[in-house]
Amino acid sequence: MTKTSLICGSLAFDKIMQYHGRFGETLLADQLHKVNVSFLVPTLRTEFGGCSANVAYNLKMLGGDPLIMATIGQDGGEYLDRLGKLGIETRAIRTIGHAYTAQCFVTADLDNNQINAFHPGAMQFSHENNVADAGAVRVAIIAPDGRDGMLKHAHDCARLNVPFMFDPGQQLPMFSGEELIQFINEASYVAANDYEFEMLMDRTGLTLPQIAERLDALIVTRGEKGSEIYAKGERFEIPCVPAAAVVDPTGCGDAFRAGLLHGITNGWDWPTTGRLASLLGAIKIAHQGGQNHSFTAQEIAEKFEAAFGYKHP
């Protein structure tokens, strides 16, 4: 049986700029109706990002077989080359020749306040991809992506009997309560942080038990408080793994989800699957950007045993 995981989600470039002053000293509260300001940003770096690539990056290092289904723009050649060098399959990535790759422009000041601008670009055409074209897959994840693409790929998976994880992330507000209920009914798993899950319950009118009973597993992350997994009427409390350093939370949720997918494809129990996911989040947060950390499967096995006192399968 195949162990390929189909990773549906965004591909993006993150442009990170540092302003060496404070926004509050430049933005005048009584003049915000006519803003015309310029911030000198001496430092600029570009990070490879997007939920699908972040998940695939971690899953590949675990020894998994991720297949990214996403859309990239006319400027995406460098990203495709990078994925190829990492050994990540790109055959399901569609290039949109008349658009740019999705890009997030982040300007941070000395107090770490941020002014962000997001250009969705090629992401808006993710619905042009078809899950059926991916071939045989063991499990899929519908991560934040173009709105129409997320709806289509969920319907595709349900029609093809492909079990999938619904991970609405920052796109959750884009969907109505009715659409979110449809996602839940079609999905095998739902993963969300505590804030997103509160919004999910509010939008759908469903309680936690009502959502959990429709799924094989519901995963709710709670930051430094760890996470909870509800499966088959049971609740599993997953401890947080202390991080070597807290540097950048970007991509931590994606690393966590890679751990979940790895456990699912290998048939692990939920406590062990959740613990692996927790460990990956802790490793990621100690590094800048979503794809600058590295580990081997052997290193993960050793860190897992050190953190939890037993060996994973």
C-alpha atoms as a PDB file:
ATOM      1  CA  MET A   1       0.000   0.000   0.000  1.00  0.00           C
ATOM      2  CA  THR A   2       1.324   3.448  -0.878  1.00  0.00           C
ATOM      3  CA  LYS A   3       2.586   5.727   1.893  1.00  0.00           C
ATOM      4  CA  THR A   4       2.440   8.871  -0.228  1.00  0.00           C
ATOM      5  CA  SER A   5       0.941  11.897   1.518  1.00  0.00           C
ATOM      6  CA  LEU A   6      -0.731  14.469  -0.737  1.00  0.00           C
ATOM      7  CA  ILE A   7       0.026  17.961   0.598  1.00  0.00           C
ATOM      8  CA  CYS A   8      -2.511  20.486  -0.734  1.00  0.00           C
ATOM      9  CA  GLY A   9      -1.683  24.042   0.293  1.00  0.00           C
ATOM     10  CA  SER A  10       0.085  27.269  -0.543  1.00  0.00           C
ATOM     11  CA  LEU A  11       3.563  27.884  -1.913  1.00  0.00           C
ATOM     12  CA  ALA A  12       4.900  31.341  -1.081  1.00  0.00           C
ATOM     13  CA  PHE A  13       7.908  33.583  -0.727  1.00  0.00           C
ATOM     14  CA  ASP A  14       8.206  35.512   2.537  1.00  0.00           C
ATOM     15  CA  LYS A  15      10.010  38.851   2.257  1.00  0.00           C
ATOM     16  CA  ILE A  16      11.150  39.853   5.758  1.00  0.00           C
ATOM     17  CA  MET A  17      12.268  43.464   6.308  1.00  0.00           C
ATOM     18  CA  GLN A  18      13.580  44.999   9.525  1.00  0.00           C
ATOM     19  CA  TYR A  19      12.913  48.650  10.374  1.00  0.00           C
ATOM     20  CA  HIS A  20      15.394  49.970  12.948  1.00  0.00           C
ATOM     21  CA  GLY A  21      12.919  52.380  14.499  1.00  0.00           C
ATOM     22  CA  ARG A  22       9.444  52.209  16.006  1.00  0.00           C
ATOM     23  CA  PHE A  23       6.254  52.539  13.987  1.00  0.00           C
ATOM     24  CA  GLY A  24       4.671  54.499  16.812  1.00  0.00           C
ATOM     25  CA  GLU A  25       7.252  57.260  16.410  1.00  0.00           C
ATOM     26  CA  THR A  26       6.372  57.717  12.723  1.00  0.00           C
ATOM     27  CA  LEU A  27       2.649  56.970  12.568  1.00  0.00           C
ATOM     28  CA  LEU A  28       0.722  59.867  14.094  1.00  0.00           C
ATOM     29  CA  ALA A  29      -2.505  58.716  15.716  1.00  0.00           C
ATOM     30  CA  ASP A  30      -4.443  61.801  14.676  1.00  0.00           C
ATOM     31  CA  GLN A  31      -3.224  61.617  11.055  1.00  0.00           C
ATOM     32  CA  LEU A  32      -4.010  57.997  10.177  1.00  0.00           C
ATOM     33  CA  HIS A  33      -6.685  59.114   7.714  1.00  0.00           C
ATOM     34  CA  LYS A  34      -3.957  60.446   5.397  1.00  0.00           C
ATOM     35  CA  VAL A  35      -0.939  58.161   5.835  1.00  0.00           C
ATOM     36  CA  ASN A  36       2.069  58.718   3.576  1.00  0.00           C
ATOM     37  CA  VAL A  37       5.131  57.217   5.217  1.00  0.00           C
ATOM     38  CA  SER A  38       8.283  55.402   4.161  1.00  0.00           C
ATOM     39  CA  PHE A  39      10.328  53.077   6.374  1.00  0.00           C
ATOM     40  CA  LEU A  40      14.026  52.544   5.691  1.00  0.00           C
ATOM     41  CA  VAL A  41      14.663  48.798   5.989  1.00  0.00           C
ATOM     42  CA  PRO A  42      18.417  48.094   5.910  1.00  0.00           C
ATOM     43  CA  THR A  43      17.926  44.330   6.169  1.00  0.00           C
ATOM     44  CA  LEU A  44      15.895  42.152   3.808  1.00  0.00           C
ATOM     45  CA  ARG A  45      15.757  38.393   3.521  1.00  0.00           C
ATOM     46  CA  THR A  46      13.649  36.045   1.451  1.00  0.00           C
ATOM     47  CA  GLU A  47      12.382  32.824   3.005  1.00  0.00           C
ATOM     48  CA  PHE A  48      10.846  29.867   1.195  1.00  0.00           C
ATOM     49  CA  GLY A  49       7.393  29.416   2.699  1.00  0.00           C
ATOM     50  CA  GLY A  50       3.830  28.342   2.143  1.00  0.00           C
ATOM     51  CA  CYS A  51       2.040  25.655   4.118  1.00  0.00           C
ATOM     52  CA  SER A  52       2.413  22.845   1.585  1.00  0.00           C
ATOM     53  CA  ALA A  53       6.182  23.190   1.252  1.00  0.00           C
ATOM     54  CA  ASN A  54       6.672  23.626   5.008  1.00  0.00           C
ATOM     55  CA  VAL A  55       4.745  20.404   5.710  1.00  0.00           C
ATOM     56  CA  ALA A  56       6.513  18.512   2.912  1.00  0.00           C
ATOM     57  CA  TYR A  57       9.945  19.740   4.054  1.00  0.00           C
ATOM     58  CA  ASN A  58       9.469  18.209   7.509  1.00  0.00           C
ATOM     59  CA  LEU A  59       7.775  15.052   6.282  1.00  0.00           C
ATOM     60  CA  LYS A  60      10.608  14.336   3.843  1.00  0.00           C
ATOM     61  CA  MET A  61      13.217  14.589   6.619  1.00  0.00           C
ATOM     62  CA  LEU A  62      11.190  12.089   8.654  1.00  0.00           C
ATOM     63  CA  GLY A  63      11.513   9.617   5.786  1.00  0.00           C
ATOM     64  CA  GLY A  64       7.996  10.197   4.472  1.00  0.00           C
ATOM     65  CA  ASP A  65       6.868  10.498   0.859  1.00  0.00           C
ATOM     66  CA  PRO A  66       5.202  13.909   0.428  1.00  0.00           C
ATOM     67  CA  LEU A  67       3.619  14.959  -2.863  1.00  0.00           C
ATOM     68  CA  ILE A  68       2.905  18.701  -3.044  1.00  0.00           C
ATOM     69  CA  MET A  69      -0.221  19.819  -4.908  1.00  0.00           C
ATOM     70  CA  ALA A  70      -0.049  23.594  -5.257  1.00  0.00           C
ATOM     71  CA  THR A  71       0.248  26.477  -7.705  1.00  0.00           C
ATOM     72  CA  ILE A  72       3.346  28.571  -8.280  1.00  0.00           C
ATOM     73  CA  GLY A  73       3.941  31.650 -10.403  1.00  0.00           C
ATOM     74  CA  GLN A  74       6.176  32.655 -13.287  1.00  0.00           C
ATOM     75  CA  ASP A  75       8.895  33.483 -10.720  1.00  0.00           C
ATOM     76  CA  GLY A  76       8.814  30.012  -9.136  1.00  0.00           C
ATOM     77  CA  GLY A  77      11.735  28.350 -10.916  1.00  0.00           C
ATOM     78  CA  GLU A  78      14.106  28.756  -7.974  1.00  0.00           C
ATOM     79  CA  TYR A  79      11.554  27.222  -5.617  1.00  0.00           C
ATOM     80  CA  LEU A  80      10.990  24.220  -7.887  1.00  0.00           C
ATOM     81  CA  ASP A  81      14.760  23.712  -8.116  1.00  0.00           C
ATOM     82  CA  ARG A  82      15.009  23.798  -4.321  1.00  0.00           C
ATOM     83  CA  LEU A  83      12.262  21.212  -3.885  1.00  0.00           C
ATOM     84  CA  GLY A  84      13.916  18.995  -6.486  1.00  0.00           C
ATOM     85  CA  LYS A  85      17.242  19.143  -4.639  1.00  0.00           C
ATOM     86  CA  LEU A  86      15.445  18.179  -1.432  1.00  0.00           C
ATOM     87  CA  GLY A  87      14.020  15.129  -3.202  1.00  0.00           C
ATOM     88  CA  ILE A  88      10.430  16.382  -2.871  1.00  0.00           C
ATOM     89  CA  GLU A  89       8.153  15.410  -5.753  1.00  0.00           C
ATOM     90  CA  THR A  90       6.890  18.432  -7.743  1.00  0.00           C
ATOM     91  CA  ARG A  91       4.840  16.792 -10.522  1.00  0.00           C
ATOM     92  CA  ALA A  92       1.554  18.012  -8.973  1.00  0.00           C
ATOM     93  CA  ILE A  93       2.686  21.651  -8.776  1.00  0.00           C
ATOM     94  CA  ARG A  94       1.051  23.751 -11.494  1.00  0.00           C
ATOM     95  CA  THR A  95       2.874  26.830 -12.820  1.00  0.00           C
ATOM     96  CA  ILE A  96       0.577  29.806 -13.486  1.00  0.00           C
ATOM     97  CA  GLY A  97       2.427  31.711 -16.187  1.00  0.00           C
ATOM     98  CA  HIS A  98       0.456  34.947 -15.905  1.00  0.00           C
ATOM     99  CA  ALA A  99       0.829  35.329 -12.121  1.00  0.00           C
ATOM    100  CA  TYR A 100       3.518  35.702  -9.487  1.00  0.00           C
ATOM    101  CA  THR A 101       4.016  33.205  -6.683  1.00  0.00           C
ATOM    102  CA  ALA A 102       2.118  34.133  -3.523  1.00  0.00           C
ATOM    103  CA  GLN A 103       4.220  36.506  -1.436  1.00  0.00           C
ATOM    104  CA  CYS A 104       4.046  37.934   2.062  1.00  0.00           C
ATOM    105  CA  PHE A 105       5.853  41.208   2.702  1.00  0.00           C
ATOM    106  CA  VAL A 106       6.617  41.649   6.408  1.00  0.00           C
ATOM    107  CA  THR A 107       8.073  44.819   7.925  1.00  0.00           C
ATOM    108  CA  ALA A 108       8.923  44.582  11.638  1.00  0.00           C
ATOM    109  CA  ASP A 109      10.050  47.379  13.965  1.00  0.00           C
ATOM    110  CA  LEU A 110      12.277  47.283  17.055  1.00  0.00           C
ATOM    111  CA  ASP A 111       9.327  46.265  19.248  1.00  0.00           C
ATOM    112  CA  ASN A 112       8.496  43.423  16.821  1.00  0.00           C
ATOM    113  CA  ASN A 113       5.293  45.133  15.713  1.00  0.00           C
ATOM    114  CA  GLN A 114       4.571  44.096  12.144  1.00  0.00           C
ATOM    115  CA  ILE A 115       2.992  45.630   9.058  1.00  0.00           C
ATOM    116  CA  ASN A 116       2.226  42.883   6.564  1.00  0.00           C
ATOM    117  CA  ALA A 117       1.016  42.804   2.981  1.00  0.00           C
ATOM    118  CA  PHE A 118       0.034  39.521   1.327  1.00  0.00           C
ATOM    119  CA  HIS A 119      -0.233  39.010  -2.445  1.00  0.00           C
ATOM    120  CA  PRO A 120      -2.022  35.698  -3.186  1.00  0.00           C
ATOM    121  CA  GLY A 121      -0.934  35.564  -6.836  1.00  0.00           C
ATOM    122  CA  ALA A 122      -0.854  32.023  -8.212  1.00  0.00           C
ATOM    123  CA  MET A 123      -2.517  30.688  -5.064  1.00  0.00           C
ATOM    124  CA  GLN A 124      -5.846  32.029  -6.383  1.00  0.00           C
ATOM    125  CA  PHE A 125      -5.709  29.387  -9.141  1.00  0.00           C
ATOM    126  CA  SER A 126      -5.205  26.344  -6.882  1.00  0.00           C
ATOM    127  CA  HIS A 127      -8.654  25.058  -7.876  1.00  0.00           C
ATOM    128  CA  GLU A 128      -7.208  24.226 -11.308  1.00  0.00           C
ATOM    129  CA  ASN A 129      -5.448  21.250  -9.698  1.00  0.00           C
ATOM    130  CA  ASN A 130      -7.285  17.919  -9.470  1.00  0.00           C
ATOM    131  CA  VAL A 131      -6.650  15.362  -6.719  1.00  0.00           C
ATOM    132  CA  ALA A 132      -7.400  12.554  -9.177  1.00  0.00           C
ATOM    133  CA  ASP A 133      -4.301  13.537 -11.172  1.00  0.00           C
ATOM    134  CA  ALA A 134      -2.036  12.798  -8.179  1.00  0.00           C
ATOM    135  CA  GLY A 135      -2.405   9.036  -8.424  1.00  0.00           C
ATOM    136  CA  ALA A 136      -2.543   6.700  -5.429  1.00  0.00           C
ATOM    137  CA  VAL A 137      -2.093   8.398  -2.034  1.00  0.00           C
ATOM    138  CA  ARG A 138      -2.444   7.093   1.521  1.00  0.00           C
ATOM    139  CA  VAL A 139      -3.648  10.343   3.093  1.00  0.00           C
ATOM    140  CA  ALA A 140      -4.014  14.021   2.168  1.00  0.00           C
ATOM    141  CA  ILE A 141      -4.012  17.326   3.984  1.00  0.00           C
ATOM    142  CA  ILE A 142      -6.018  20.378   2.918  1.00  0.00           C
ATOM    143  CA  ALA A 143      -3.873  23.195   4.328  1.00  0.00           C
ATOM    144  CA  PRO A 144      -4.400  26.973   3.848  1.00  0.00           C
ATOM    145  CA  ASP A 145      -4.567  27.741   0.134  1.00  0.00           C
ATOM    146  CA  GLY A 146      -6.849  29.528  -2.314  1.00  0.00           C
ATOM    147  CA  ARG A 147     -10.433  29.397  -1.021  1.00  0.00           C
ATOM    148  CA  ASP A 148     -11.879  27.683  -4.099  1.00  0.00           C
ATOM    149  CA  GLY A 149      -8.987  25.241  -4.169  1.00  0.00           C
ATOM    150  CA  MET A 150      -9.535  24.156  -0.567  1.00  0.00           C
ATOM    151  CA  LEU A 151     -13.222  23.493  -1.218  1.00  0.00           C
ATOM    152  CA  LYS A 152     -12.509  21.606  -4.446  1.00  0.00           C
ATOM    153  CA  HIS A 153      -9.708  19.457  -3.063  1.00  0.00           C
ATOM    154  CA  ALA A 154     -11.812  18.450  -0.069  1.00  0.00           C
ATOM    155  CA  HIS A 155     -14.659  17.416  -2.389  1.00  0.00           C
ATOM    156  CA  ASP A 156     -12.160  15.592  -4.635  1.00  0.00           C
ATOM    157  CA  CYS A 157     -10.741  13.623  -1.693  1.00  0.00           C
ATOM    158  CA  ALA A 158     -14.211  12.700  -0.419  1.00  0.00           C
ATOM    159  CA  ARG A 159     -15.313  11.552  -3.872  1.00  0.00           C
ATOM    160  CA  LEU A 160     -12.160   9.453  -4.295  1.00  0.00           C
ATOM    161  CA  ASN A 161     -12.341   8.029  -0.742  1.00  0.00           C
ATOM    162  CA  VAL A 162      -8.988   9.575   0.171  1.00  0.00           C
ATOM    163  CA  PRO A 163      -8.850  10.233   3.933  1.00  0.00           C
ATOM    164  CA  PHE A 164      -7.759  13.820   4.546  1.00  0.00           C
ATOM    165  CA  MET A 165      -6.885  16.247   7.298  1.00  0.00           C
ATOM    166  CA  PHE A 166      -8.625  19.615   7.222  1.00  0.00           C
ATOM    167  CA  ASP A 167      -6.261  22.338   8.439  1.00  0.00           C
ATOM    168  CA  PRO A 168      -8.063  25.666   7.898  1.00  0.00           C
ATOM    169  CA  GLY A 169      -5.440  27.874   9.560  1.00  0.00           C
ATOM    170  CA  GLN A 170      -5.603  31.558   8.711  1.00  0.00           C
ATOM    171  CA  GLN A 171      -8.083  30.849   5.901  1.00  0.00           C
ATOM    172  CA  LEU A 172     -10.820  29.788   8.322  1.00  0.00           C
ATOM    173  CA  PRO A 173     -12.624  33.192   8.246  1.00  0.00           C
ATOM    174  CA  MET A 174     -13.034  32.811   4.468  1.00  0.00           C
ATOM    175  CA  PHE A 175     -15.633  30.049   4.920  1.00  0.00           C
ATOM    176  CA  SER A 176     -19.242  30.122   6.071  1.00  0.00           C
ATOM    177  CA  GLY A 177     -20.518  27.908   8.861  1.00  0.00           C
ATOM    178  CA  GLU A 178     -22.216  25.686   6.298  1.00  0.00           C
ATOM    179  CA  GLU A 179     -18.996  25.262   4.318  1.00  0.00           C
ATOM    180  CA  LEU A 180     -17.015  24.481   7.466  1.00  0.00           C
ATOM    181  CA  ILE A 181     -19.551  21.806   8.459  1.00  0.00           C
ATOM    182  CA  GLN A 182     -19.143  20.284   4.999  1.00  0.00           C
ATOM    183  CA  PHE A 183     -15.353  20.202   5.459  1.00  0.00           C
ATOM    184  CA  ILE A 184     -15.799  18.463   8.826  1.00  0.00           C
ATOM    185  CA  ASN A 185     -18.244  15.923   7.390  1.00  0.00           C
ATOM    186  CA  GLU A 186     -15.902  15.077   4.503  1.00  0.00           C
ATOM    187  CA  ALA A 187     -12.654  15.006   6.507  1.00  0.00           C
ATOM    188  CA  SER A 188     -11.186  12.155   8.510  1.00  0.00           C
ATOM    189  CA  TYR A 189      -9.135  14.510  10.690  1.00  0.00           C
ATOM    190  CA  VAL A 190      -9.290  18.174  11.690  1.00  0.00           C
ATOM    191  CA  ALA A 191      -6.268  20.049  13.094  1.00  0.00           C
ATOM    192  CA  ALA A 192      -6.471  23.584  14.485  1.00  0.00           C
ATOM    193  CA  ASN A 193      -4.934  25.739  17.187  1.00  0.00           C
ATOM    194  CA  ASP A 194      -7.086  26.723  20.157  1.00  0.00           C
ATOM    195  CA  TYR A 195      -8.038  30.136  18.731  1.00  0.00           C
ATOM    196  CA  GLU A 196      -8.984  28.668  15.350  1.00  0.00           C
ATOM    197  CA  PHE A 197     -10.981  25.927  17.027  1.00  0.00           C
ATOM    198  CA  GLU A 198     -12.984  28.430  19.083  1.00  0.00           C
ATOM    199  CA  MET A 199     -13.782  30.219  15.810  1.00  0.00           C
ATOM    200  CA  LEU A 200     -14.697  26.897  14.181  1.00  0.00           C
ATOM    201  CA  MET A 201     -17.191  26.117  16.946  1.00  0.00           C
ATOM    202  CA  ASP A 202     -18.595  29.642  16.816  1.00  0.00           C
ATOM    203  CA  ARG A 203     -19.041  29.584  13.019  1.00  0.00           C
ATOM    204  CA  THR A 204     -20.587  26.104  12.867  1.00  0.00           C
ATOM    205  CA  GLY A 205     -22.591  26.133  16.100  1.00  0.00           C
ATOM    206  CA  LEU A 206     -21.131  22.694  16.872  1.00  0.00           C
ATOM    207  CA  THR A 207     -19.579  21.731  20.212  1.00  0.00           C
ATOM    208  CA  LEU A 208     -16.243  19.968  20.603  1.00  0.00           C
ATOM    209  CA  PRO A 209     -17.875  16.539  21.165  1.00  0.00           C
ATOM    210  CA  GLN A 210     -20.155  17.073  18.149  1.00  0.00           C
ATOM    211  CA  ILE A 211     -17.165  17.834  15.908  1.00  0.00           C
ATOM    212  CA  ALA A 212     -15.031  15.015  17.318  1.00  0.00           C
ATOM    213  CA  GLU A 213     -17.737  12.371  16.828  1.00  0.00           C
ATOM    214  CA  ARG A 214     -17.791  13.088  13.073  1.00  0.00           C
ATOM    215  CA  LEU A 215     -14.037  12.459  12.710  1.00  0.00           C
ATOM    216  CA  ASP A 216     -11.454   9.736  13.162  1.00  0.00           C
ATOM    217  CA  ALA A 217      -9.461  12.315  15.142  1.00  0.00           C
ATOM    218  CA  LEU A 218      -9.674  15.975  16.205  1.00  0.00           C
ATOM    219  CA  ILE A 219      -6.359  17.641  17.076  1.00  0.00           C
ATOM    220  CA  VAL A 220      -6.317  20.940  18.989  1.00  0.00           C
ATOM    221  CA  THR A 221      -2.961  22.590  19.709  1.00  0.00           C
ATOM    222  CA  ARG A 222      -2.516  24.928  22.676  1.00  0.00           C
ATOM    223  CA  GLY A 223       0.999  26.351  22.256  1.00  0.00           C
ATOM    224  CA  GLU A 224       3.226  25.876  25.299  1.00  0.00           C
ATOM    225  CA  LYS A 225       0.358  23.974  26.998  1.00  0.00           C
ATOM    226  CA  GLY A 226       0.729  21.108  24.530  1.00  0.00           C
ATOM    227  CA  SER A 227      -2.147  19.644  22.531  1.00  0.00           C
ATOM    228  CA  GLU A 228      -5.169  17.389  22.768  1.00  0.00           C
ATOM    229  CA  ILE A 229      -6.270  14.598  20.461  1.00  0.00           C
ATOM    230  CA  TYR A 230      -9.836  13.320  20.522  1.00  0.00           C
ATOM    231  CA  ALA A 231     -10.263   9.963  18.812  1.00  0.00           C
ATOM    232  CA  LYS A 232     -12.860   7.188  19.108  1.00  0.00           C
ATOM    233  CA  GLY A 233     -14.348   8.666  22.257  1.00  0.00           C
ATOM    234  CA  GLU A 234     -10.983   9.068  23.988  1.00  0.00           C
ATOM    235  CA  ARG A 235      -9.008  12.197  24.851  1.00  0.00           C
ATOM    236  CA  PHE A 236      -5.222  12.065  24.672  1.00  0.00           C
ATOM    237  CA  GLU A 237      -3.228  14.858  26.287  1.00  0.00           C
ATOM    238  CA  ILE A 238       0.034  15.512  24.420  1.00  0.00           C
ATOM    239  CA  PRO A 239       2.788  17.298  26.347  1.00  0.00           C
ATOM    240  CA  CYS A 240       4.740  20.220  24.933  1.00  0.00           C
ATOM    241  CA  VAL A 241       8.439  19.562  24.298  1.00  0.00           C
ATOM    242  CA  PRO A 242      10.643  22.352  25.705  1.00  0.00           C
ATOM    243  CA  ALA A 243      12.431  24.145  22.866  1.00  0.00           C
ATOM    244  CA  ALA A 244      16.181  24.773  22.863  1.00  0.00           C
ATOM    245  CA  ALA A 245      15.323  28.403  22.025  1.00  0.00           C
ATOM    246  CA  VAL A 246      12.209  30.331  21.042  1.00  0.00           C
ATOM    247  CA  VAL A 247      13.291  32.122  17.866  1.00  0.00           C
ATOM    248  CA  ASP A 248      10.461  32.146  15.320  1.00  0.00           C
ATOM    249  CA  PRO A 249       7.028  30.437  15.411  1.00  0.00           C
ATOM    250  CA  THR A 250       6.649  30.633  11.603  1.00  0.00           C
ATOM    251  CA  GLY A 251       5.965  27.130  10.291  1.00  0.00           C
ATOM    252  CA  CYS A 252       5.659  25.444  13.699  1.00  0.00           C
ATOM    253  CA  GLY A 253       2.096  24.359  12.966  1.00  0.00           C
ATOM    254  CA  ASP A 254       3.204  22.939   9.619  1.00  0.00           C
ATOM    255  CA  ALA A 255       6.007  20.951  11.272  1.00  0.00           C
ATOM    256  CA  PHE A 256       3.480  19.640  13.806  1.00  0.00           C
ATOM    257  CA  ARG A 257       1.157  18.515  11.019  1.00  0.00           C
ATOM    258  CA  ALA A 258       4.003  16.713   9.256  1.00  0.00           C
ATOM    259  CA  GLY A 259       4.424  14.667  12.429  1.00  0.00           C
ATOM    260  CA  LEU A 260       0.712  13.829  12.443  1.00  0.00           C
ATOM    261  CA  LEU A 261       0.805  12.714   8.810  1.00  0.00           C
ATOM    262  CA  HIS A 262       3.877  10.553   9.441  1.00  0.00           C
ATOM    263  CA  GLY A 263       2.162   8.784  12.321  1.00  0.00           C
ATOM    264  CA  ILE A 264      -1.022   8.247  10.294  1.00  0.00           C
ATOM    265  CA  THR A 265       0.773   6.793   7.253  1.00  0.00           C
ATOM    266  CA  ASN A 266       2.744   4.418   9.489  1.00  0.00           C
ATOM    267  CA  GLY A 267      -0.231   3.290  11.578  1.00  0.00           C
ATOM    268  CA  TRP A 268       1.039   4.645  14.917  1.00  0.00           C
ATOM    269  CA  ASP A 269      -1.241   5.145  17.900  1.00  0.00           C
ATOM    270  CA  TRP A 270      -2.421   8.691  18.626  1.00  0.00           C
ATOM    271  CA  PRO A 271      -0.331   9.354  21.768  1.00  0.00           C
ATOM    272  CA  THR A 272       2.873   8.487  19.876  1.00  0.00           C
ATOM    273  CA  THR A 273       1.770  10.377  16.746  1.00  0.00           C
ATOM    274  CA  GLY A 274       0.975  13.472  18.807  1.00  0.00           C
ATOM    275  CA  ARG A 275       4.289  13.307  20.653  1.00  0.00           C
ATOM    276  CA  LEU A 276       6.229  13.167  17.385  1.00  0.00           C
ATOM    277  CA  ALA A 277       4.275  16.193  16.157  1.00  0.00           C
ATOM    278  CA  SER A 278       5.051  18.054  19.388  1.00  0.00           C
ATOM    279  CA  LEU A 279       8.758  17.283  19.051  1.00  0.00           C
ATOM    280  CA  LEU A 280       8.870  18.620  15.489  1.00  0.00           C
ATOM    281  CA  GLY A 281       7.219  21.871  16.547  1.00  0.00           C
ATOM    282  CA  ALA A 282       9.841  22.346  19.259  1.00  0.00           C
ATOM    283  CA  ILE A 283      12.701  21.749  16.821  1.00  0.00           C
ATOM    284  CA  LYS A 284      11.268  24.221  14.290  1.00  0.00           C
ATOM    285  CA  ILE A 285      10.651  27.088  16.731  1.00  0.00           C
ATOM    286  CA  ALA A 286      14.381  27.256  17.528  1.00  0.00           C
ATOM    287  CA  HIS A 287      15.144  28.337  13.955  1.00  0.00           C
ATOM    288  CA  GLN A 288      14.338  31.359  11.790  1.00  0.00           C
ATOM    289  CA  GLY A 289      11.915  30.753   8.922  1.00  0.00           C
ATOM    290  CA  GLY A 290       9.851  27.703   8.071  1.00  0.00           C
ATOM    291  CA  GLN A 291      12.497  25.614   6.278  1.00  0.00           C
ATOM    292  CA  ASN A 292      15.908  26.303   7.828  1.00  0.00           C
ATOM    293  CA  HIS A 293      16.015  23.567  10.474  1.00  0.00           C
ATOM    294  CA  SER A 294      17.292  20.091   9.703  1.00  0.00           C
ATOM    295  CA  PHE A 295      17.287  16.649  11.285  1.00  0.00           C
ATOM    296  CA  THR A 296      17.653  12.996  10.342  1.00  0.00           C
ATOM    297  CA  ALA A 297      15.218  10.194  11.128  1.00  0.00           C
ATOM    298  CA  GLN A 298      17.849   8.781  13.519  1.00  0.00           C
ATOM    299  CA  GLU A 299      18.173  12.106  15.362  1.00  0.00           C
ATOM    300  CA  ILE A 300      14.396  12.292  15.726  1.00  0.00           C
ATOM    301  CA  ALA A 301      14.318   8.767  17.165  1.00  0.00           C
ATOM    302  CA  GLU A 302      16.952   9.718  19.746  1.00  0.00           C
ATOM    303  CA  LYS A 303      15.269  13.023  20.668  1.00  0.00           C
ATOM    304  CA  PHE A 304      11.913  11.259  20.935  1.00  0.00           C
ATOM    305  CA  GLU A 305      13.246   8.684  23.393  1.00  0.00           C
ATOM    306  CA  ALA A 306      15.011  11.386  25.426  1.00  0.00           C
ATOM    307  CA  ALA A 307      11.832  13.497  25.616  1.00  0.00           C
ATOM    308  CA  PHE A 308       9.263  10.767  26.296  1.00  0.00           C
ATOM    309  CA  GLY A 309      11.156   7.823  27.768  1.00  0.00           C
ATOM    310  CA  TYR A 310      10.285   5.268  25.105  1.00  0.00           C
ATOM    311  CA  LYS A 311      11.126   4.512  21.480  1.00  0.00           C
ATOM    312  CA  HIS A 312       8.655   5.248  18.733  1.00  0.00           C
ATOM    313  CA  PRO A 313       7.858   2.363  16.329  1.00  0.00           C
END
